[in-house]
Amino acid sequence: MSKVIRVSISTIVGGGICVAASDGQKVHQFLYDVIQGGNRAEISFFGVTRMTTAFLNAAVGQLYGEFEESVLRSRLLPPVDFEEWHLRRLKLVVDRAKLYFSDQERVEEIFKDNLDD
């Protein structure tokens, strides 16, 4: 049976300011190991006072390119210790990651075309 492991973002990062993608990468590695190990991750936003989408893209978004969505749905539990703004940013990142990884080549082509204009 899989264990539920609480993933405290502020503990991993060493504080409540979560803005750097490099800090997001630390959280990502922790989440990746929990999921890859067959366990379930419960993300805690306790103590998170600032957080960017760049941080969340590194921490959570890239998981959608590494695991099937069904795996993430079963292994990423609803967040705890959150404020509404935490959830809004997380939802934005997850929605974008799903879109991006559903057709990565097409999305990259659109970005490239728009940059060329």
C-alpha atoms as a PDB file:
ATOM      1  CA  MET A   1       0.000   0.000   0.000  1.00  0.00           C
ATOM      2  CA  SER A   2       1.288   3.444  -0.869  1.00  0.00           C
ATOM      3  CA  LYS A   3       2.139   5.937   1.840  1.00  0.00           C
ATOM      4  CA  VAL A   4       0.967   9.532   1.949  1.00  0.00           C
ATOM      5  CA  ILE A   5       3.983  11.810   2.231  1.00  0.00           C
ATOM      6  CA  ARG A   6       3.494  15.469   3.104  1.00  0.00           C
ATOM      7  CA  VAL A   7       5.671  17.678   0.929  1.00  0.00           C
ATOM      8  CA  SER A   8       6.267  20.936   2.778  1.00  0.00           C
ATOM      9  CA  ILE A   9       7.363  23.460   0.178  1.00  0.00           C
ATOM     10  CA  SER A  10       8.715  25.983   2.694  1.00  0.00           C
ATOM     11  CA  THR A  11      10.779  23.284   4.433  1.00  0.00           C
ATOM     12  CA  ILE A  12      12.350  22.095   1.178  1.00  0.00           C
ATOM     13  CA  VAL A  13      13.059  25.644   0.000  1.00  0.00           C
ATOM     14  CA  GLY A  14      14.191  26.855   3.419  1.00  0.00           C
ATOM     15  CA  GLY A  15      11.645  29.639   3.759  1.00  0.00           C
ATOM     16  CA  GLY A  16       8.426  31.105   2.464  1.00  0.00           C
ATOM     17  CA  ILE A  17       9.753  32.940  -0.579  1.00  0.00           C
ATOM     18  CA  CYS A  18       9.303  30.588  -3.525  1.00  0.00           C
ATOM     19  CA  VAL A  19      10.261  32.510  -6.622  1.00  0.00           C
ATOM     20  CA  ALA A  20      13.349  30.859  -8.131  1.00  0.00           C
ATOM     21  CA  ALA A  21      13.066  28.031 -10.622  1.00  0.00           C
ATOM     22  CA  SER A  22      16.102  26.448  -8.955  1.00  0.00           C
ATOM     23  CA  ASP A  23      14.132  26.184  -5.697  1.00  0.00           C
ATOM     24  CA  GLY A  24      11.213  24.792  -7.666  1.00  0.00           C
ATOM     25  CA  GLN A  25      13.580  22.150  -9.003  1.00  0.00           C
ATOM     26  CA  LYS A  26      14.313  21.032  -5.414  1.00  0.00           C
ATOM     27  CA  VAL A  27      10.585  20.584  -4.792  1.00  0.00           C
ATOM     28  CA  HIS A  28      10.227  18.824  -8.138  1.00  0.00           C
ATOM     29  CA  GLN A  29      12.910  16.289  -7.256  1.00  0.00           C
ATOM     30  CA  PHE A  30      11.187  15.539  -3.957  1.00  0.00           C
ATOM     31  CA  LEU A  31       7.788  15.146  -5.657  1.00  0.00           C
ATOM     32  CA  TYR A  32       9.297  13.054  -8.442  1.00  0.00           C
ATOM     33  CA  ASP A  33      10.888  10.660  -5.936  1.00  0.00           C
ATOM     34  CA  VAL A  34       7.620  10.289  -3.992  1.00  0.00           C
ATOM     35  CA  ILE A  35       5.600   9.573  -7.144  1.00  0.00           C
ATOM     36  CA  GLN A  36       8.216   7.332  -8.750  1.00  0.00           C
ATOM     37  CA  GLY A  37       8.369   5.369  -5.495  1.00  0.00           C
ATOM     38  CA  GLY A  38       4.657   4.583  -5.781  1.00  0.00           C
ATOM     39  CA  ASN A  39       3.627   6.832  -2.922  1.00  0.00           C
ATOM     40  CA  ARG A  40       1.191   9.727  -2.767  1.00  0.00           C
ATOM     41  CA  ALA A  41       2.282  13.336  -2.295  1.00  0.00           C
ATOM     42  CA  GLU A  42       0.330  15.884  -0.287  1.00  0.00           C
ATOM     43  CA  ILE A  43       1.720  19.342  -1.041  1.00  0.00           C
ATOM     44  CA  SER A  44       1.677  21.727   1.913  1.00  0.00           C
ATOM     45  CA  PHE A  45       1.811  25.472   1.289  1.00  0.00           C
ATOM     46  CA  PHE A  46       2.292  26.222   4.990  1.00  0.00           C
ATOM     47  CA  GLY A  47       4.578  29.221   5.390  1.00  0.00           C
ATOM     48  CA  VAL A  48       4.642  30.130   1.691  1.00  0.00           C
ATOM     49  CA  THR A  49       4.325  33.914   1.560  1.00  0.00           C
ATOM     50  CA  ARG A  50       5.488  34.585  -2.018  1.00  0.00           C
ATOM     51  CA  MET A  51       5.359  32.236  -4.974  1.00  0.00           C
ATOM     52  CA  THR A  52       5.779  32.666  -8.722  1.00  0.00           C
ATOM     53  CA  THR A  53       4.503  30.600 -11.592  1.00  0.00           C
ATOM     54  CA  ALA A  54       8.146  30.082 -12.646  1.00  0.00           C
ATOM     55  CA  PHE A  55       8.716  28.331  -9.337  1.00  0.00           C
ATOM     56  CA  LEU A  56       5.578  26.218  -9.762  1.00  0.00           C
ATOM     57  CA  ASN A  57       6.425  25.344 -13.370  1.00  0.00           C
ATOM     58  CA  ALA A  58       9.719  23.899 -12.168  1.00  0.00           C
ATOM     59  CA  ALA A  59       8.192  22.247  -9.099  1.00  0.00           C
ATOM     60  CA  VAL A  60       4.958  20.805 -10.486  1.00  0.00           C
ATOM     61  CA  GLY A  61       4.450  21.673 -14.153  1.00  0.00           C
ATOM     62  CA  GLN A  62       7.243  19.530 -15.525  1.00  0.00           C
ATOM     63  CA  LEU A  63       5.798  16.448 -13.797  1.00  0.00           C
ATOM     64  CA  TYR A  64       3.161  16.437 -16.554  1.00  0.00           C
ATOM     65  CA  GLY A  65       5.917  15.741 -19.079  1.00  0.00           C
ATOM     66  CA  GLU A  66       7.311  12.888 -16.987  1.00  0.00           C
ATOM     67  CA  PHE A  67       4.206  11.011 -15.838  1.00  0.00           C
ATOM     68  CA  GLU A  68       0.838  10.195 -17.348  1.00  0.00           C
ATOM     69  CA  GLU A  69      -1.900  12.505 -16.118  1.00  0.00           C
ATOM     70  CA  SER A  70      -3.756   9.545 -14.622  1.00  0.00           C
ATOM     71  CA  VAL A  71      -0.710   8.716 -12.480  1.00  0.00           C
ATOM     72  CA  LEU A  72      -0.486  12.293 -11.247  1.00  0.00           C
ATOM     73  CA  ARG A  73      -4.205  12.391 -10.541  1.00  0.00           C
ATOM     74  CA  SER A  74      -3.873   9.350  -8.294  1.00  0.00           C
ATOM     75  CA  ARG A  75      -0.545  10.266  -6.681  1.00  0.00           C
ATOM     76  CA  LEU A  76      -0.847  14.032  -6.168  1.00  0.00           C
ATOM     77  CA  LEU A  77      -3.370  14.601  -3.413  1.00  0.00           C
ATOM     78  CA  PRO A  78      -5.217  17.898  -3.000  1.00  0.00           C
ATOM     79  CA  PRO A  79      -2.943  20.528  -1.428  1.00  0.00           C
ATOM     80  CA  VAL A  80      -3.170  21.417   2.257  1.00  0.00           C
ATOM     81  CA  ASP A  81      -2.367  24.491   4.333  1.00  0.00           C
ATOM     82  CA  PHE A  82      -3.108  26.791   1.413  1.00  0.00           C
ATOM     83  CA  GLU A  83      -4.500  30.217   0.741  1.00  0.00           C
ATOM     84  CA  GLU A  84      -6.723  30.839  -2.275  1.00  0.00           C
ATOM     85  CA  TRP A  85      -3.962  32.575  -4.212  1.00  0.00           C
ATOM     86  CA  HIS A  86      -1.758  29.468  -3.857  1.00  0.00           C
ATOM     87  CA  LEU A  87      -4.455  27.387  -5.530  1.00  0.00           C
ATOM     88  CA  ARG A  88      -5.072  29.920  -8.300  1.00  0.00           C
ATOM     89  CA  ARG A  89      -1.400  29.891  -9.275  1.00  0.00           C
ATOM     90  CA  LEU A  90      -1.161  26.115  -9.004  1.00  0.00           C
ATOM     91  CA  LYS A  91      -4.238  25.665 -11.207  1.00  0.00           C
ATOM     92  CA  LEU A  92      -2.833  28.078 -13.795  1.00  0.00           C
ATOM     93  CA  VAL A  93       0.457  26.151 -13.948  1.00  0.00           C
ATOM     94  CA  VAL A  94      -1.232  22.736 -14.089  1.00  0.00           C
ATOM     95  CA  ASP A  95      -3.639  23.833 -16.836  1.00  0.00           C
ATOM     96  CA  ARG A  96      -0.766  25.224 -18.905  1.00  0.00           C
ATOM     97  CA  ALA A  97       1.370  22.123 -18.351  1.00  0.00           C
ATOM     98  CA  LYS A  98      -1.454  19.829 -19.465  1.00  0.00           C
ATOM     99  CA  LEU A  99      -1.941  21.901 -22.604  1.00  0.00           C
ATOM    100  CA  TYR A 100       1.774  22.094 -23.353  1.00  0.00           C
ATOM    101  CA  PHE A 101       2.517  18.408 -22.848  1.00  0.00           C
ATOM    102  CA  SER A 102      -0.628  17.283 -24.696  1.00  0.00           C
ATOM    103  CA  ASP A 103       0.891  18.563 -27.966  1.00  0.00           C
ATOM    104  CA  GLN A 104       4.368  19.860 -27.202  1.00  0.00           C
ATOM    105  CA  GLU A 105       5.501  20.197 -30.817  1.00  0.00           C
ATOM    106  CA  ARG A 106       2.468  22.252 -31.827  1.00  0.00           C
ATOM    107  CA  VAL A 107       2.763  24.577 -28.833  1.00  0.00           C
ATOM    108  CA  GLU A 108       6.472  25.136 -29.480  1.00  0.00           C
ATOM    109  CA  GLU A 109       5.708  25.866 -33.136  1.00  0.00           C
ATOM    110  CA  ILE A 110       3.114  28.481 -32.137  1.00  0.00           C
ATOM    111  CA  PHE A 111       5.589  30.124 -29.750  1.00  0.00           C
ATOM    112  CA  LYS A 112       8.282  30.137 -32.427  1.00  0.00           C
ATOM    113  CA  ASP A 113       5.933  31.607 -35.023  1.00  0.00           C
ATOM    114  CA  ASN A 114       4.875  34.367 -32.629  1.00  0.00           C
ATOM    115  CA  LEU A 115       8.469  35.187 -31.715  1.00  0.00           C
ATOM    116  CA  ASP A 116       9.388  35.490 -35.383  1.00  0.00           C
ATOM    117  CA  ASP A 117       6.651  38.102 -35.988  1.00  0.00           C
END
